[in-house]
Full PDB file with SEQRES, HELIX, SHEET, SSBOND, CRYST1, ORIGX, SCALE, CONECT and MASTER records, all heavy atoms in Angstrom:
SEQRES   1 A   41  GLY PHE VAL VAL VAL GLY TYR SER THR PHE ALA VAL PRO          
SEQRES   2 A   41  GLY LEU LEU GLY ARG PRO GLU ILE ALA GLU VAL LEU PHE          
SEQRES   3 A   41  PRO PHE GLY GLY VAL VAL LEU VAL LEU GLY TRP LEU PHE          
SEQRES   4 A   41  LEU PRO                                                      
HELIX    1 AA1 PHE A    2  LEU A   16  1                                  15    
HELIX    2 AA2 PRO A   19  PHE A   39  1                                  21    
CRYST1    1.000    1.000    1.000  90.00  90.00  90.00 P 1           1          
ORIGX1      1.000000  0.000000  0.000000        0.00000                         
ORIGX2      0.000000  1.000000  0.000000        0.00000                         
ORIGX3      0.000000  0.000000  1.000000        0.00000                         
SCALE1      1.000000  0.000000  0.000000        0.00000                         
SCALE2      0.000000  1.000000  0.000000        0.00000                         
SCALE3      0.000000  0.000000  1.000000        0.00000                         
ATOM      1  N   GLY A   1     -13.437  49.887  10.690  1.00  0.00           N  
ATOM      2  CA  GLY A   1     -11.917  49.770  10.666  1.00  0.00           C  
ATOM      3  C   GLY A   1     -11.333  51.109  10.164  1.00  0.00           C  
ATOM      4  O   GLY A   1     -10.298  51.397  10.625  1.00  0.00           O  
ATOM      5  N   PHE A   2     -11.950  51.642   9.124  1.00  0.00           N  
ATOM      6  CA  PHE A   2     -11.425  52.948   8.658  1.00  0.00           C  
ATOM      7  C   PHE A   2     -11.444  53.993   9.727  1.00  0.00           C  
ATOM      8  O   PHE A   2     -10.536  54.878   9.919  1.00  0.00           O  
ATOM      9  CB  PHE A   2     -12.234  53.454   7.436  1.00  0.00           C  
ATOM     10  CG  PHE A   2     -11.935  54.849   6.978  1.00  0.00           C  
ATOM     11  CD1 PHE A   2     -10.834  55.044   6.261  1.00  0.00           C  
ATOM     12  CD2 PHE A   2     -12.830  55.778   7.247  1.00  0.00           C  
ATOM     13  CE1 PHE A   2     -10.531  56.342   5.943  1.00  0.00           C  
ATOM     14  CE2 PHE A   2     -12.513  57.152   6.913  1.00  0.00           C  
ATOM     15  CZ  PHE A   2     -11.391  57.404   6.200  1.00  0.00           C  
ATOM     16  N   VAL A   3     -12.556  53.999  10.573  1.00  0.00           N  
ATOM     17  CA  VAL A   3     -12.619  54.972  11.611  1.00  0.00           C  
ATOM     18  C   VAL A   3     -11.494  54.695  12.644  1.00  0.00           C  
ATOM     19  O   VAL A   3     -10.859  55.766  13.077  1.00  0.00           O  
ATOM     20  CB  VAL A   3     -14.045  54.828  12.380  1.00  0.00           C  
ATOM     21  CG1 VAL A   3     -14.027  55.675  13.590  1.00  0.00           C  
ATOM     22  CG2 VAL A   3     -15.106  55.294  11.391  1.00  0.00           C  
ATOM     23  N   VAL A   4     -11.232  53.527  12.999  1.00  0.00           N  
ATOM     24  CA  VAL A   4     -10.273  53.263  14.105  1.00  0.00           C  
ATOM     25  C   VAL A   4      -8.862  53.684  13.461  1.00  0.00           C  
ATOM     26  O   VAL A   4      -8.101  54.346  14.152  1.00  0.00           O  
ATOM     27  CB  VAL A   4     -10.219  51.766  14.413  1.00  0.00           C  
ATOM     28  CG1 VAL A   4      -9.069  51.437  15.286  1.00  0.00           C  
ATOM     29  CG2 VAL A   4     -11.605  51.360  15.098  1.00  0.00           C  
ATOM     30  N   VAL A   5      -8.572  53.294  12.271  1.00  0.00           N  
ATOM     31  CA  VAL A   5      -7.298  53.703  11.719  1.00  0.00           C  
ATOM     32  C   VAL A   5      -7.114  55.194  11.522  1.00  0.00           C  
ATOM     33  O   VAL A   5      -6.101  55.713  11.862  1.00  0.00           O  
ATOM     34  CB  VAL A   5      -7.117  52.904  10.376  1.00  0.00           C  
ATOM     35  CG1 VAL A   5      -5.775  53.392   9.638  1.00  0.00           C  
ATOM     36  CG2 VAL A   5      -6.996  51.418  10.505  1.00  0.00           C  
ATOM     37  N   GLY A   6      -8.191  55.757  11.019  1.00  0.00           N  
ATOM     38  CA  GLY A   6      -8.102  57.228  10.750  1.00  0.00           C  
ATOM     39  C   GLY A   6      -8.006  58.013  12.060  1.00  0.00           C  
ATOM     40  O   GLY A   6      -7.168  58.941  12.216  1.00  0.00           O  
ATOM     41  N   TYR A   7      -8.935  57.700  12.969  1.00  0.00           N  
ATOM     42  CA  TYR A   7      -8.835  58.420  14.232  1.00  0.00           C  
ATOM     43  C   TYR A   7      -7.440  58.204  14.966  1.00  0.00           C  
ATOM     44  O   TYR A   7      -6.973  59.259  15.549  1.00  0.00           O  
ATOM     45  CB  TYR A   7      -9.974  57.877  15.151  1.00  0.00           C  
ATOM     46  CG  TYR A   7     -10.173  58.740  16.417  1.00  0.00           C  
ATOM     47  CD1 TYR A   7     -11.085  59.745  16.566  1.00  0.00           C  
ATOM     48  CD2 TYR A   7      -9.275  58.426  17.635  1.00  0.00           C  
ATOM     49  CE1 TYR A   7     -11.233  60.376  17.719  1.00  0.00           C  
ATOM     50  CE2 TYR A   7      -9.447  59.117  18.752  1.00  0.00           C  
ATOM     51  CZ  TYR A   7     -10.425  60.121  18.843  1.00  0.00           C  
ATOM     52  OH  TYR A   7     -10.584  60.812  20.033  1.00  0.00           O  
ATOM     53  N   SER A   8      -6.994  56.997  14.955  1.00  0.00           N  
ATOM     54  CA  SER A   8      -5.701  56.783  15.658  1.00  0.00           C  
ATOM     55  C   SER A   8      -4.558  57.544  14.965  1.00  0.00           C  
ATOM     56  O   SER A   8      -3.664  58.095  15.633  1.00  0.00           O  
ATOM     57  CB  SER A   8      -5.365  55.263  15.660  1.00  0.00           C  
ATOM     58  OG  SER A   8      -6.480  54.481  16.249  1.00  0.00           O  
ATOM     59  N   THR A   9      -4.596  57.554  13.609  1.00  0.00           N  
ATOM     60  CA  THR A   9      -3.526  58.227  12.895  1.00  0.00           C  
ATOM     61  C   THR A   9      -3.493  59.733  13.226  1.00  0.00           C  
ATOM     62  O   THR A   9      -2.456  60.304  13.495  1.00  0.00           O  
ATOM     63  CB  THR A   9      -3.754  58.003  11.361  1.00  0.00           C  
ATOM     64  OG1 THR A   9      -3.695  56.639  11.069  1.00  0.00           O  
ATOM     65  CG2 THR A   9      -2.574  58.740  10.647  1.00  0.00           C  
ATOM     66  N   PHE A  10      -4.685  60.317  13.198  1.00  0.00           N  
ATOM     67  CA  PHE A  10      -4.761  61.732  13.476  1.00  0.00           C  
ATOM     68  C   PHE A  10      -4.504  62.052  14.993  1.00  0.00           C  
ATOM     69  O   PHE A  10      -4.147  63.204  15.281  1.00  0.00           O  
ATOM     70  CB  PHE A  10      -6.074  62.358  13.067  1.00  0.00           C  
ATOM     71  CG  PHE A  10      -6.243  62.451  11.594  1.00  0.00           C  
ATOM     72  CD1 PHE A  10      -7.315  61.839  10.928  1.00  0.00           C  
ATOM     73  CD2 PHE A  10      -5.431  63.170  10.886  1.00  0.00           C  
ATOM     74  CE1 PHE A  10      -7.533  61.973   9.526  1.00  0.00           C  
ATOM     75  CE2 PHE A  10      -5.509  63.374   9.467  1.00  0.00           C  
ATOM     76  CZ  PHE A  10      -6.583  62.750   8.787  1.00  0.00           C  
ATOM     77  N   ALA A  11      -4.785  61.119  15.790  1.00  0.00           N  
ATOM     78  CA  ALA A  11      -4.630  61.414  17.222  1.00  0.00           C  
ATOM     79  C   ALA A  11      -3.242  61.221  17.782  1.00  0.00           C  
ATOM     80  O   ALA A  11      -2.863  61.616  18.913  1.00  0.00           O  
ATOM     81  CB  ALA A  11      -5.606  60.534  18.054  1.00  0.00           C  
ATOM     82  N   VAL A  12      -2.417  60.454  17.069  1.00  0.00           N  
ATOM     83  CA  VAL A  12      -1.054  60.067  17.539  1.00  0.00           C  
ATOM     84  C   VAL A  12      -0.235  61.363  17.768  1.00  0.00           C  
ATOM     85  O   VAL A  12       0.376  61.421  18.877  1.00  0.00           O  
ATOM     86  CB  VAL A  12      -0.404  59.189  16.524  1.00  0.00           C  
ATOM     87  CG1 VAL A  12       1.203  59.170  16.700  1.00  0.00           C  
ATOM     88  CG2 VAL A  12      -0.871  57.788  16.595  1.00  0.00           C  
ATOM     89  N   PRO A  13      -0.265  62.434  16.909  1.00  0.00           N  
ATOM     90  CA  PRO A  13       0.649  63.583  17.300  1.00  0.00           C  
ATOM     91  C   PRO A  13       0.313  64.170  18.627  1.00  0.00           C  
ATOM     92  O   PRO A  13       1.095  64.717  19.341  1.00  0.00           O  
ATOM     93  CB  PRO A  13       0.371  64.469  16.104  1.00  0.00           C  
ATOM     94  CG  PRO A  13      -0.009  63.596  14.989  1.00  0.00           C  
ATOM     95  CD  PRO A  13      -0.761  62.484  15.657  1.00  0.00           C  
ATOM     96  N   GLY A  14      -1.071  64.231  18.975  1.00  0.00           N  
ATOM     97  CA  GLY A  14      -1.394  64.834  20.215  1.00  0.00           C  
ATOM     98  C   GLY A  14      -0.979  63.941  21.472  1.00  0.00           C  
ATOM     99  O   GLY A  14      -0.515  64.426  22.498  1.00  0.00           O  
ATOM    100  N   LEU A  15      -1.069  62.664  21.246  1.00  0.00           N  
ATOM    101  CA  LEU A  15      -0.696  61.716  22.327  1.00  0.00           C  
ATOM    102  C   LEU A  15       0.848  61.835  22.559  1.00  0.00           C  
ATOM    103  O   LEU A  15       1.295  61.645  23.687  1.00  0.00           O  
ATOM    104  CB  LEU A  15      -1.091  60.290  22.033  1.00  0.00           C  
ATOM    105  CG  LEU A  15      -2.559  59.932  21.844  1.00  0.00           C  
ATOM    106  CD1 LEU A  15      -2.835  58.508  21.447  1.00  0.00           C  
ATOM    107  CD2 LEU A  15      -3.262  60.271  23.226  1.00  0.00           C  
ATOM    108  N   LEU A  16       1.535  61.998  21.503  1.00  0.00           N  
ATOM    109  CA  LEU A  16       3.090  62.113  21.637  1.00  0.00           C  
ATOM    110  C   LEU A  16       3.500  63.593  21.977  1.00  0.00           C  
ATOM    111  O   LEU A  16       4.686  63.758  22.286  1.00  0.00           O  
ATOM    112  CB  LEU A  16       3.803  61.609  20.317  1.00  0.00           C  
ATOM    113  CG  LEU A  16       3.427  60.168  19.857  1.00  0.00           C  
ATOM    114  CD1 LEU A  16       4.175  59.944  18.606  1.00  0.00           C  
ATOM    115  CD2 LEU A  16       4.000  59.267  20.949  1.00  0.00           C  
ATOM    116  N   GLY A  17       2.590  64.556  21.909  1.00  0.00           N  
ATOM    117  CA  GLY A  17       3.032  65.916  22.095  1.00  0.00           C  
ATOM    118  C   GLY A  17       3.934  66.421  21.059  1.00  0.00           C  
ATOM    119  O   GLY A  17       4.905  67.196  21.410  1.00  0.00           O  
ATOM    120  N   ARG A  18       3.659  66.031  19.751  1.00  0.00           N  
ATOM    121  CA  ARG A  18       4.522  66.432  18.712  1.00  0.00           C  
ATOM    122  C   ARG A  18       3.825  67.271  17.673  1.00  0.00           C  
ATOM    123  O   ARG A  18       3.251  66.833  16.657  1.00  0.00           O  
ATOM    124  CB  ARG A  18       5.085  65.231  17.894  1.00  0.00           C  
ATOM    125  CG  ARG A  18       5.961  64.328  18.896  1.00  0.00           C  
ATOM    126  CD  ARG A  18       7.307  64.893  19.261  1.00  0.00           C  
ATOM    127  NE  ARG A  18       8.114  65.132  18.028  1.00  0.00           N  
ATOM    128  CZ  ARG A  18       8.844  64.255  17.486  1.00  0.00           C  
ATOM    129  NH1 ARG A  18       8.948  63.069  18.019  1.00  0.00           N  
ATOM    130  NH2 ARG A  18       9.580  64.507  16.420  1.00  0.00           N  
ATOM    131  N   PRO A  19       3.705  68.637  17.944  1.00  0.00           N  
ATOM    132  CA  PRO A  19       2.913  69.451  16.997  1.00  0.00           C  
ATOM    133  C   PRO A  19       3.545  69.486  15.661  1.00  0.00           C  
ATOM    134  O   PRO A  19       2.815  69.754  14.620  1.00  0.00           O  
ATOM    135  CB  PRO A  19       2.900  70.762  17.647  1.00  0.00           C  
ATOM    136  CG  PRO A  19       4.093  70.778  18.593  1.00  0.00           C  
ATOM    137  CD  PRO A  19       4.222  69.383  19.130  1.00  0.00           C  
ATOM    138  N   GLU A  20       4.849  69.334  15.496  1.00  0.00           N  
ATOM    139  CA  GLU A  20       5.478  69.454  14.216  1.00  0.00           C  
ATOM    140  C   GLU A  20       5.055  68.270  13.291  1.00  0.00           C  
ATOM    141  O   GLU A  20       4.916  68.443  12.059  1.00  0.00           O  
ATOM    142  CB  GLU A  20       7.024  69.439  14.314  1.00  0.00           C  
ATOM    143  CG  GLU A  20       7.613  68.140  14.754  1.00  0.00           C  
ATOM    144  CD  GLU A  20       7.670  67.994  16.292  1.00  0.00           C  
ATOM    145  OE1 GLU A  20       6.921  68.811  16.963  1.00  0.00           O  
ATOM    146  OE2 GLU A  20       8.222  67.015  16.721  1.00  0.00           O  
ATOM    147  N   ILE A  21       4.673  67.095  13.881  1.00  0.00           N  
ATOM    148  CA  ILE A  21       4.237  66.024  13.083  1.00  0.00           C  
ATOM    149  C   ILE A  21       2.773  66.372  12.570  1.00  0.00           C  
ATOM    150  O   ILE A  21       2.437  66.100  11.461  1.00  0.00           O  
ATOM    151  CB  ILE A  21       4.212  64.702  13.894  1.00  0.00           C  
ATOM    152  CG1 ILE A  21       5.632  64.315  14.230  1.00  0.00           C  
ATOM    153  CG2 ILE A  21       3.476  63.560  13.091  1.00  0.00           C  
ATOM    154  CD1 ILE A  21       5.763  63.056  15.010  1.00  0.00           C  
ATOM    155  N   ALA A  22       1.956  66.942  13.500  1.00  0.00           N  
ATOM    156  CA  ALA A  22       0.605  67.251  13.105  1.00  0.00           C  
ATOM    157  C   ALA A  22       0.514  68.302  12.112  1.00  0.00           C  
ATOM    158  O   ALA A  22      -0.350  68.281  11.104  1.00  0.00           O  
ATOM    159  CB  ALA A  22      -0.174  67.679  14.419  1.00  0.00           C  
ATOM    160  N   GLU A  23       1.537  69.256  12.088  1.00  0.00           N  
ATOM    161  CA  GLU A  23       1.565  70.315  11.063  1.00  0.00           C  
ATOM    162  C   GLU A  23       1.783  69.817   9.682  1.00  0.00           C  
ATOM    163  O   GLU A  23       1.318  70.332   8.727  1.00  0.00           O  
ATOM    164  CB  GLU A  23       2.647  71.381  11.486  1.00  0.00           C  
ATOM    165  CG  GLU A  23       2.489  72.182  12.733  1.00  0.00           C  
ATOM    166  CD  GLU A  23       1.573  73.308  12.536  1.00  0.00           C  
ATOM    167  OE1 GLU A  23       1.119  73.501  11.347  1.00  0.00           O  
ATOM    168  OE2 GLU A  23       1.229  73.975  13.485  1.00  0.00           O  
ATOM    169  N   VAL A  24       2.344  68.641   9.546  1.00  0.00           N  
ATOM    170  CA  VAL A  24       2.602  68.033   8.222  1.00  0.00           C  
ATOM    171  C   VAL A  24       1.454  66.984   7.945  1.00  0.00           C  
ATOM    172  O   VAL A  24       0.960  66.922   6.792  1.00  0.00           O  
ATOM    173  CB  VAL A  24       3.938  67.238   8.231  1.00  0.00           C  
ATOM    174  CG1 VAL A  24       4.104  66.468   6.930  1.00  0.00           C  
ATOM    175  CG2 VAL A  24       5.018  68.278   8.323  1.00  0.00           C  
ATOM    176  N   LEU A  25       1.090  66.201   8.920  1.00  0.00           N  
ATOM    177  CA  LEU A  25       0.092  65.147   8.746  1.00  0.00           C  
ATOM    178  C   LEU A  25      -1.257  65.622   8.440  1.00  0.00           C  
ATOM    179  O   LEU A  25      -1.905  65.144   7.553  1.00  0.00           O  
ATOM    180  CB  LEU A  25       0.025  64.170  10.027  1.00  0.00           C  
ATOM    181  CG  LEU A  25      -1.028  63.147   9.955  1.00  0.00           C  
ATOM    182  CD1 LEU A  25      -0.704  62.118   8.970  1.00  0.00           C  
ATOM    183  CD2 LEU A  25      -1.047  62.476  11.347  1.00  0.00           C  
ATOM    184  N   PHE A  26      -1.748  66.708   9.070  1.00  0.00           N  
ATOM    185  CA  PHE A  26      -3.158  67.063   8.923  1.00  0.00           C  
ATOM    186  C   PHE A  26      -3.392  67.730   7.464  1.00  0.00           C  
ATOM    187  O   PHE A  26      -4.416  67.338   6.907  1.00  0.00           O  
ATOM    188  CB  PHE A  26      -3.516  68.100  10.041  1.00  0.00           C  
ATOM    189  CG  PHE A  26      -3.670  67.406  11.311  1.00  0.00           C  
ATOM    190  CD1 PHE A  26      -3.385  66.108  11.601  1.00  0.00           C  
ATOM    191  CD2 PHE A  26      -4.237  68.076  12.453  1.00  0.00           C  
ATOM    192  CE1 PHE A  26      -3.513  65.510  12.835  1.00  0.00           C  
ATOM    193  CE2 PHE A  26      -4.464  67.563  13.629  1.00  0.00           C  
ATOM    194  CZ  PHE A  26      -4.027  66.260  13.888  1.00  0.00           C  
ATOM    195  N   PRO A  27      -2.604  68.623   7.035  1.00  0.00           N  
ATOM    196  CA  PRO A  27      -2.879  69.145   5.675  1.00  0.00           C  
ATOM    197  C   PRO A  27      -2.752  68.004   4.572  1.00  0.00           C  
ATOM    198  O   PRO A  27      -3.639  67.916   3.751  1.00  0.00           O  
ATOM    199  CB  PRO A  27      -1.801  70.106   5.492  1.00  0.00           C  
ATOM    200  CG  PRO A  27      -1.371  70.620   6.823  1.00  0.00           C  
ATOM    201  CD  PRO A  27      -1.413  69.374   7.706  1.00  0.00           C  
ATOM    202  N   PHE A  28      -1.783  67.280   4.686  1.00  0.00           N  
ATOM    203  CA  PHE A  28      -1.579  66.150   3.738  1.00  0.00           C  
ATOM    204  C   PHE A  28      -2.700  65.165   3.810  1.00  0.00           C  
ATOM    205  O   PHE A  28      -3.280  64.651   2.836  1.00  0.00           O  
ATOM    206  CB  PHE A  28      -0.236  65.408   3.840  1.00  0.00           C  
ATOM    207  CG  PHE A  28       0.935  66.220   3.289  1.00  0.00           C  
ATOM    208  CD1 PHE A  28       2.149  66.027   3.859  1.00  0.00           C  
ATOM    209  CD2 PHE A  28       0.729  67.128   2.325  1.00  0.00           C  
ATOM    210  CE1 PHE A  28       3.274  66.800   3.449  1.00  0.00           C  
ATOM    211  CE2 PHE A  28       1.804  67.851   1.759  1.00  0.00           C  
ATOM    212  CZ  PHE A  28       3.104  67.719   2.333  1.00  0.00           C  
ATOM    213  N   GLY A  29      -3.115  64.778   5.084  1.00  0.00           N  
ATOM    214  CA  GLY A  29      -4.182  63.903   5.277  1.00  0.00           C  
ATOM    215  C   GLY A  29      -5.475  64.398   4.736  1.00  0.00           C  
ATOM    216  O   GLY A  29      -6.274  63.699   4.196  1.00  0.00           O  
ATOM    217  N   GLY A  30      -5.721  65.760   4.997  1.00  0.00           N  
ATOM    218  CA  GLY A  30      -6.976  66.369   4.334  1.00  0.00           C  
ATOM    219  C   GLY A  30      -6.997  66.322   2.869  1.00  0.00           C  
ATOM    220  O   GLY A  30      -8.121  66.072   2.240  1.00  0.00           O  
ATOM    221  N   VAL A  31      -5.858  66.559   2.186  1.00  0.00           N  
ATOM    222  CA  VAL A  31      -5.841  66.503   0.734  1.00  0.00           C  
ATOM    223  C   VAL A  31      -6.182  65.118   0.301  1.00  0.00           C  
ATOM    224  O   VAL A  31      -6.916  64.895  -0.684  1.00  0.00           O  
ATOM    225  CB  VAL A  31      -4.449  66.941   0.246  1.00  0.00           C  
ATOM    226  CG1 VAL A  31      -4.319  66.668  -1.262  1.00  0.00           C  
ATOM    227  CG2 VAL A  31      -4.217  68.409   0.514  1.00  0.00           C  
ATOM    228  N   VAL A  32      -5.549  64.110   0.904  1.00  0.00           N  
ATOM    229  CA  VAL A  32      -5.828  62.697   0.580  1.00  0.00           C  
ATOM    230  C   VAL A  32      -7.279  62.329   0.731  1.00  0.00           C  
ATOM    231  O   VAL A  32      -7.955  61.711  -0.105  1.00  0.00           O  
ATOM    232  CB  VAL A  32      -4.814  61.797   1.254  1.00  0.00           C  
ATOM    233  CG1 VAL A  32      -5.226  60.328   1.010  1.00  0.00           C  
ATOM    234  CG2 VAL A  32      -3.461  62.045   0.900  1.00  0.00           C  
ATOM    235  N   LEU A  33      -7.808  62.819   1.820  1.00  0.00           N  
ATOM    236  CA  LEU A  33      -9.176  62.405   2.189  1.00  0.00           C  
ATOM    237  C   LEU A  33     -10.155  63.029   1.139  1.00  0.00           C  
ATOM    238  O   LEU A  33     -11.106  62.373   0.764  1.00  0.00           O  
ATOM    239  CB  LEU A  33      -9.586  62.942   3.586  1.00  0.00           C  
ATOM    240  CG  LEU A  33     -10.809  62.497   4.265  1.00  0.00           C  
ATOM    241  CD1 LEU A  33     -10.736  60.967   4.487  1.00  0.00           C  
ATOM    242  CD2 LEU A  33     -10.961  63.232   5.629  1.00  0.00           C  
ATOM    243  N   VAL A  34     -10.043  64.312   0.829  1.00  0.00           N  
ATOM    244  CA  VAL A  34     -10.980  64.989  -0.097  1.00  0.00           C  
ATOM    245  C   VAL A  34     -10.840  64.321  -1.449  1.00  0.00           C  
ATOM    246  O   VAL A  34     -11.880  64.020  -2.113  1.00  0.00           O  
ATOM    247  CB  VAL A  34     -10.750  66.482  -0.069  1.00  0.00           C  
ATOM    248  CG1 VAL A  34     -11.619  67.134  -1.168  1.00  0.00           C  
ATOM    249  CG2 VAL A  34     -10.928  67.097   1.264  1.00  0.00           C  
ATOM    250  N   LEU A  35      -9.629  64.125  -1.930  1.00  0.00           N  
ATOM    251  CA  LEU A  35      -9.436  63.549  -3.223  1.00  0.00           C  
ATOM    252  C   LEU A  35      -9.927  62.068  -3.298  1.00  0.00           C  
ATOM    253  O   LEU A  35     -10.439  61.543  -4.255  1.00  0.00           O  
ATOM    254  CB  LEU A  35      -7.967  63.552  -3.703  1.00  0.00           C  
ATOM    255  CG  LEU A  35      -7.391  64.939  -3.964  1.00  0.00           C  
ATOM    256  CD1 LEU A  35      -5.890  64.873  -4.312  1.00  0.00           C  
ATOM    257  CD2 LEU A  35      -8.133  65.606  -5.014  1.00  0.00           C  
ATOM    258  N   GLY A  36      -9.748  61.408  -2.096  1.00  0.00           N  
ATOM    259  CA  GLY A  36     -10.326  60.064  -2.059  1.00  0.00           C  
ATOM    260  C   GLY A  36     -11.890  60.122  -2.111  1.00  0.00           C  
ATOM    261  O   GLY A  36     -12.460  59.184  -2.757  1.00  0.00           O  
ATOM    262  N   TRP A  37     -12.453  60.993  -1.556  1.00  0.00           N  
ATOM    263  CA  TRP A  37     -13.973  61.153  -1.616  1.00  0.00           C  
ATOM    264  C   TRP A  37     -14.393  61.345  -3.086  1.00  0.00           C  
ATOM    265  O   TRP A  37     -15.479  60.936  -3.564  1.00  0.00           O  
ATOM    266  CB  TRP A  37     -14.482  62.304  -0.793  1.00  0.00           C  
ATOM    267  CG  TRP A  37     -15.171  61.908   0.452  1.00  0.00           C  
ATOM    268  CD1 TRP A  37     -14.486  61.504   1.654  1.00  0.00           C  
ATOM    269  CD2 TRP A  37     -16.524  61.695   0.676  1.00  0.00           C  
ATOM    270  NE1 TRP A  37     -15.500  61.203   2.544  1.00  0.00           N  
ATOM    271  CE2 TRP A  37     -16.695  61.254   1.998  1.00  0.00           C  
ATOM    272  CE3 TRP A  37     -17.692  61.694  -0.108  1.00  0.00           C  
ATOM    273  CZ2 TRP A  37     -17.941  60.958   2.550  1.00  0.00           C  
ATOM    274  CZ3 TRP A  37     -18.954  61.436   0.324  1.00  0.00           C  
ATOM    275  CH2 TRP A  37     -18.984  61.092   1.699  1.00  0.00           C  
ATOM    276  N   LEU A  38     -13.499  62.059  -3.933  1.00  0.00           N  
ATOM    277  CA  LEU A  38     -13.841  62.352  -5.166  1.00  0.00           C  
ATOM    278  C   LEU A  38     -13.536  61.114  -6.150  1.00  0.00           C  
ATOM    279  O   LEU A  38     -14.404  60.900  -7.051  1.00  0.00           O  
ATOM    280  CB  LEU A  38     -12.951  63.581  -5.673  1.00  0.00           C  
ATOM    281  CG  LEU A  38     -13.196  64.036  -7.119  1.00  0.00           C  
ATOM    282  CD1 LEU A  38     -14.619  64.408  -7.269  1.00  0.00           C  
ATOM    283  CD2 LEU A  38     -12.261  65.148  -7.435  1.00  0.00           C  
ATOM    284  N   PHE A  39     -12.506  60.426  -5.935  1.00  0.00           N  
ATOM    285  CA  PHE A  39     -12.045  59.488  -6.917  1.00  0.00           C  
ATOM    286  C   PHE A  39     -12.224  57.955  -6.525  1.00  0.00           C  
ATOM    287  O   PHE A  39     -12.384  57.118  -7.315  1.00  0.00           O  
ATOM    288  CB  PHE A  39     -10.643  59.695  -7.377  1.00  0.00           C  
ATOM    289  CG  PHE A  39     -10.415  60.941  -8.100  1.00  0.00           C  
ATOM    290  CD1 PHE A  39      -9.742  62.002  -7.621  1.00  0.00           C  
ATOM    291  CD2 PHE A  39     -11.053  61.107  -9.392  1.00  0.00           C  
ATOM    292  CE1 PHE A  39      -9.561  63.121  -8.408  1.00  0.00           C  
ATOM    293  CE2 PHE A  39     -10.861  62.218 -10.211  1.00  0.00           C  
ATOM    294  CZ  PHE A  39     -10.134  63.214  -9.684  1.00  0.00           C  
ATOM    295  N   LEU A  40     -12.055  57.678  -5.196  1.00  0.00           N  
ATOM    296  CA  LEU A  40     -12.151  56.240  -4.767  1.00  0.00           C  
ATOM    297  C   LEU A  40     -13.473  55.629  -5.127  1.00  0.00           C  
ATOM    298  O   LEU A  40     -13.401  54.427  -5.518  1.00  0.00           O  
ATOM    299  CB  LEU A  40     -11.829  56.120  -3.296  1.00  0.00           C  
ATOM    300  CG  LEU A  40     -10.358  56.194  -2.933  1.00  0.00           C  
ATOM    301  CD1 LEU A  40     -10.169  56.020  -1.431  1.00  0.00           C  
ATOM    302  CD2 LEU A  40      -9.472  55.144  -3.691  1.00  0.00           C  
ATOM    303  N   PRO A  41     -14.607  56.277  -4.999  1.00  0.00           N  
ATOM    304  CA  PRO A  41     -15.822  55.593  -5.432  1.00  0.00           C  
ATOM    305  C   PRO A  41     -15.771  55.142  -6.908  1.00  0.00           C  
ATOM    306  O   PRO A  41     -16.413  54.183  -7.291  1.00  0.00           O  
ATOM    307  CB  PRO A  41     -16.882  56.641  -5.104  1.00  0.00           C  
ATOM    308  CG  PRO A  41     -16.394  57.562  -4.089  1.00  0.00           C  
ATOM    309  CD  PRO A  41     -14.870  57.609  -4.364  1.00  0.00           C  
TER     310      PRO A  41                                                      
MASTER        0    0    0    2    0    0    0    6  309    1    0    4          
END                                                                             
């Protein structure tokens, strides 16, 4: 389920052709992902 949600979230800007959304989503998503690996466990 995490794979489906994560992949869909990151793929949406490409499907919509909106690079400005990806420019914001990807860096913030990466920060949340790395910190999640550190603290969520």
